[in-house]
Amino acid sequence: MARPGRGYDRAVITAHRVHVVPRLRRIGRAMLIRDWLAITIGRDIWTWRALSDAELAHELEHVRQWQRYGPLFIPRYARASWRAARAGGHWYRDNAFEVAARAAAGG
């Protein structure tokens, strides 16, 4: 598997949409991660509050990942989580796609 964030033009991002829906905070806490902020599905970024520039850069990297892998992004992301956990890391924090998104955000 090519490393997330590599092998394609990072400057090319087609239109994306940010949806700010405050009630998603409660729903996301119950279904996702306690401290979640946003989730990207395709070109749509769903969040419960406005994003900072760094947070938006993180989510735009996920838009790029979706563009590269299409619907296969979902199983690839799951496999990256499994690999991170199997290697003794954290399933989310050490997921290669999340590492690439943090790097894109400057972190």
C-alpha atoms as a PDB file:
ATOM      1  CA  MET A   1       0.000   0.000   0.000  1.00  0.00           C
ATOM      2  CA  ALA A   2       1.301   3.445  -0.838  1.00  0.00           C
ATOM      3  CA  ARG A   3       1.773   5.585   2.214  1.00  0.00           C
ATOM      4  CA  PRO A   4      -1.182   7.897   2.801  1.00  0.00           C
ATOM      5  CA  GLY A   5      -0.374  11.418   1.716  1.00  0.00           C
ATOM      6  CA  ARG A   6       2.185  10.286  -0.869  1.00  0.00           C
ATOM      7  CA  GLY A   7       2.078   9.521  -4.560  1.00  0.00           C
ATOM      8  CA  TYR A   8      -0.419  12.134  -5.701  1.00  0.00           C
ATOM      9  CA  ASP A   9      -0.584  15.889  -6.114  1.00  0.00           C
ATOM     10  CA  ARG A  10      -1.360  17.243  -2.658  1.00  0.00           C
ATOM     11  CA  ALA A  11      -2.190  20.661  -4.119  1.00  0.00           C
ATOM     12  CA  VAL A  12      -5.140  19.352  -6.114  1.00  0.00           C
ATOM     13  CA  ILE A  13      -8.305  19.341  -4.064  1.00  0.00           C
ATOM     14  CA  THR A  14     -11.655  19.480  -5.750  1.00  0.00           C
ATOM     15  CA  ALA A  15     -14.560  21.195  -4.053  1.00  0.00           C
ATOM     16  CA  HIS A  16     -15.168  20.183  -0.473  1.00  0.00           C
ATOM     17  CA  ARG A  17     -18.000  21.048   1.879  1.00  0.00           C
ATOM     18  CA  VAL A  18     -17.839  21.669   5.611  1.00  0.00           C
ATOM     19  CA  HIS A  19     -21.058  20.967   7.503  1.00  0.00           C
ATOM     20  CA  VAL A  20     -21.217  22.425  11.012  1.00  0.00           C
ATOM     21  CA  VAL A  21     -23.941  20.694  13.016  1.00  0.00           C
ATOM     22  CA  PRO A  22     -23.616  21.314  16.778  1.00  0.00           C
ATOM     23  CA  ARG A  23     -25.756  18.320  17.797  1.00  0.00           C
ATOM     24  CA  LEU A  24     -23.223  16.008  16.141  1.00  0.00           C
ATOM     25  CA  ARG A  25     -21.007  16.463  19.192  1.00  0.00           C
ATOM     26  CA  ARG A  26     -23.283  14.341  21.363  1.00  0.00           C
ATOM     27  CA  ILE A  27     -23.909  11.758  18.640  1.00  0.00           C
ATOM     28  CA  GLY A  28     -20.209  11.467  17.811  1.00  0.00           C
ATOM     29  CA  ARG A  29     -19.223  11.024  21.439  1.00  0.00           C
ATOM     30  CA  ALA A  30     -21.596   8.092  21.717  1.00  0.00           C
ATOM     31  CA  MET A  31     -20.596   6.452  18.431  1.00  0.00           C
ATOM     32  CA  LEU A  32     -17.024   7.483  17.663  1.00  0.00           C
ATOM     33  CA  ILE A  33     -14.359   8.874  19.957  1.00  0.00           C
ATOM     34  CA  ARG A  34     -14.975  10.792  23.158  1.00  0.00           C
ATOM     35  CA  ASP A  35     -12.934  13.810  22.003  1.00  0.00           C
ATOM     36  CA  TRP A  36     -13.878  13.700  18.323  1.00  0.00           C
ATOM     37  CA  LEU A  37     -14.128  16.903  16.323  1.00  0.00           C
ATOM     38  CA  ALA A  38     -14.878  15.999  12.719  1.00  0.00           C
ATOM     39  CA  ILE A  39     -15.326  13.142  10.301  1.00  0.00           C
ATOM     40  CA  THR A  40     -14.717  13.289   6.570  1.00  0.00           C
ATOM     41  CA  ILE A  41     -16.779  11.228   4.168  1.00  0.00           C
ATOM     42  CA  GLY A  42     -15.775  11.764   0.566  1.00  0.00           C
ATOM     43  CA  ARG A  43     -15.618  15.524   0.039  1.00  0.00           C
ATOM     44  CA  ASP A  44     -17.888  16.284   2.985  1.00  0.00           C
ATOM     45  CA  ILE A  45     -16.412  17.291   6.330  1.00  0.00           C
ATOM     46  CA  TRP A  46     -18.880  16.927   9.210  1.00  0.00           C
ATOM     47  CA  THR A  47     -18.081  18.763  12.426  1.00  0.00           C
ATOM     48  CA  TRP A  48     -19.892  20.076  15.473  1.00  0.00           C
ATOM     49  CA  ARG A  49     -18.068  23.438  15.498  1.00  0.00           C
ATOM     50  CA  ALA A  50     -16.048  25.690  13.207  1.00  0.00           C
ATOM     51  CA  LEU A  51     -12.577  24.337  12.439  1.00  0.00           C
ATOM     52  CA  SER A  52      -9.283  26.142  12.886  1.00  0.00           C
ATOM     53  CA  ASP A  53      -6.942  26.371   9.897  1.00  0.00           C
ATOM     54  CA  ALA A  54      -4.882  23.435  11.207  1.00  0.00           C
ATOM     55  CA  GLU A  55      -7.989  21.332  11.853  1.00  0.00           C
ATOM     56  CA  LEU A  56      -9.271  22.081   8.357  1.00  0.00           C
ATOM     57  CA  ALA A  57      -5.875  21.126   6.880  1.00  0.00           C
ATOM     58  CA  HIS A  58      -6.127  17.802   8.757  1.00  0.00           C
ATOM     59  CA  GLU A  59      -9.584  17.105   7.352  1.00  0.00           C
ATOM     60  CA  LEU A  60      -8.576  18.198   3.846  1.00  0.00           C
ATOM     61  CA  GLU A  61      -5.891  15.513   3.931  1.00  0.00           C
ATOM     62  CA  HIS A  62      -8.702  13.030   4.541  1.00  0.00           C
ATOM     63  CA  VAL A  63     -10.534  14.516   1.518  1.00  0.00           C
ATOM     64  CA  ARG A  64      -7.380  13.819  -0.519  1.00  0.00           C
ATOM     65  CA  GLN A  65      -7.252  10.275   0.850  1.00  0.00           C
ATOM     66  CA  TRP A  66     -10.882   9.720  -0.151  1.00  0.00           C
ATOM     67  CA  GLN A  67     -10.088  11.103  -3.620  1.00  0.00           C
ATOM     68  CA  ARG A  68      -7.199   8.718  -3.997  1.00  0.00           C
ATOM     69  CA  TYR A  69      -8.862   5.531  -2.738  1.00  0.00           C
ATOM     70  CA  GLY A  70     -12.571   6.186  -3.275  1.00  0.00           C
ATOM     71  CA  PRO A  71     -14.813   3.738  -1.408  1.00  0.00           C
ATOM     72  CA  LEU A  72     -11.774   1.553  -0.731  1.00  0.00           C
ATOM     73  CA  PHE A  73     -10.665   4.216   1.735  1.00  0.00           C
ATOM     74  CA  ILE A  74     -12.946   2.668   4.377  1.00  0.00           C
ATOM     75  CA  PRO A  75     -11.355  -0.813   4.422  1.00  0.00           C
ATOM     76  CA  ARG A  76      -7.881   0.690   3.997  1.00  0.00           C
ATOM     77  CA  TYR A  77      -8.467   2.955   6.998  1.00  0.00           C
ATOM     78  CA  ALA A  78      -9.754  -0.003   9.026  1.00  0.00           C
ATOM     79  CA  ARG A  79      -6.729  -2.068   8.024  1.00  0.00           C
ATOM     80  CA  ALA A  80      -4.384   0.777   8.997  1.00  0.00           C
ATOM     81  CA  SER A  81      -6.068   0.908  12.419  1.00  0.00           C
ATOM     82  CA  TRP A  82      -5.689  -2.853  12.797  1.00  0.00           C
ATOM     83  CA  ARG A  83      -2.015  -2.673  11.801  1.00  0.00           C
ATOM     84  CA  ALA A  84      -1.337   0.142  14.253  1.00  0.00           C
ATOM     85  CA  ALA A  85      -2.948  -1.775  17.113  1.00  0.00           C
ATOM     86  CA  ARG A  86      -1.240  -5.027  16.148  1.00  0.00           C
ATOM     87  CA  ALA A  87       2.125  -3.244  16.203  1.00  0.00           C
ATOM     88  CA  GLY A  88       1.433  -2.118  19.764  1.00  0.00           C
ATOM     89  CA  GLY A  89       0.291   1.379  18.887  1.00  0.00           C
ATOM     90  CA  HIS A  90      -3.031   3.130  19.272  1.00  0.00           C
ATOM     91  CA  TRP A  91      -5.645   2.201  16.649  1.00  0.00           C
ATOM     92  CA  TYR A  92      -6.478   5.862  15.948  1.00  0.00           C
ATOM     93  CA  ARG A  93      -3.451   7.936  16.883  1.00  0.00           C
ATOM     94  CA  ASP A  94      -0.994   5.611  15.103  1.00  0.00           C
ATOM     95  CA  ASN A  95      -3.188   4.903  12.069  1.00  0.00           C
ATOM     96  CA  ALA A  96      -1.077   5.832   9.000  1.00  0.00           C
ATOM     97  CA  PHE A  97      -3.917   7.922   7.553  1.00  0.00           C
ATOM     98  CA  GLU A  98      -4.197   9.942  10.769  1.00  0.00           C
ATOM     99  CA  VAL A  99      -0.422  10.365  10.944  1.00  0.00           C
ATOM    100  CA  ALA A 100      -0.498  11.768   7.385  1.00  0.00           C
ATOM    101  CA  ALA A 101      -3.397  14.083   8.264  1.00  0.00           C
ATOM    102  CA  ARG A 102      -1.571  15.421  11.319  1.00  0.00           C
ATOM    103  CA  ALA A 103       1.533  16.008   9.192  1.00  0.00           C
ATOM    104  CA  ALA A 104      -0.554  17.896   6.611  1.00  0.00           C
ATOM    105  CA  ALA A 105      -1.823  20.094   9.438  1.00  0.00           C
ATOM    106  CA  GLY A 106       1.717  20.849  10.526  1.00  0.00           C
ATOM    107  CA  GLY A 107       1.657  18.596  13.562  1.00  0.00           C
END
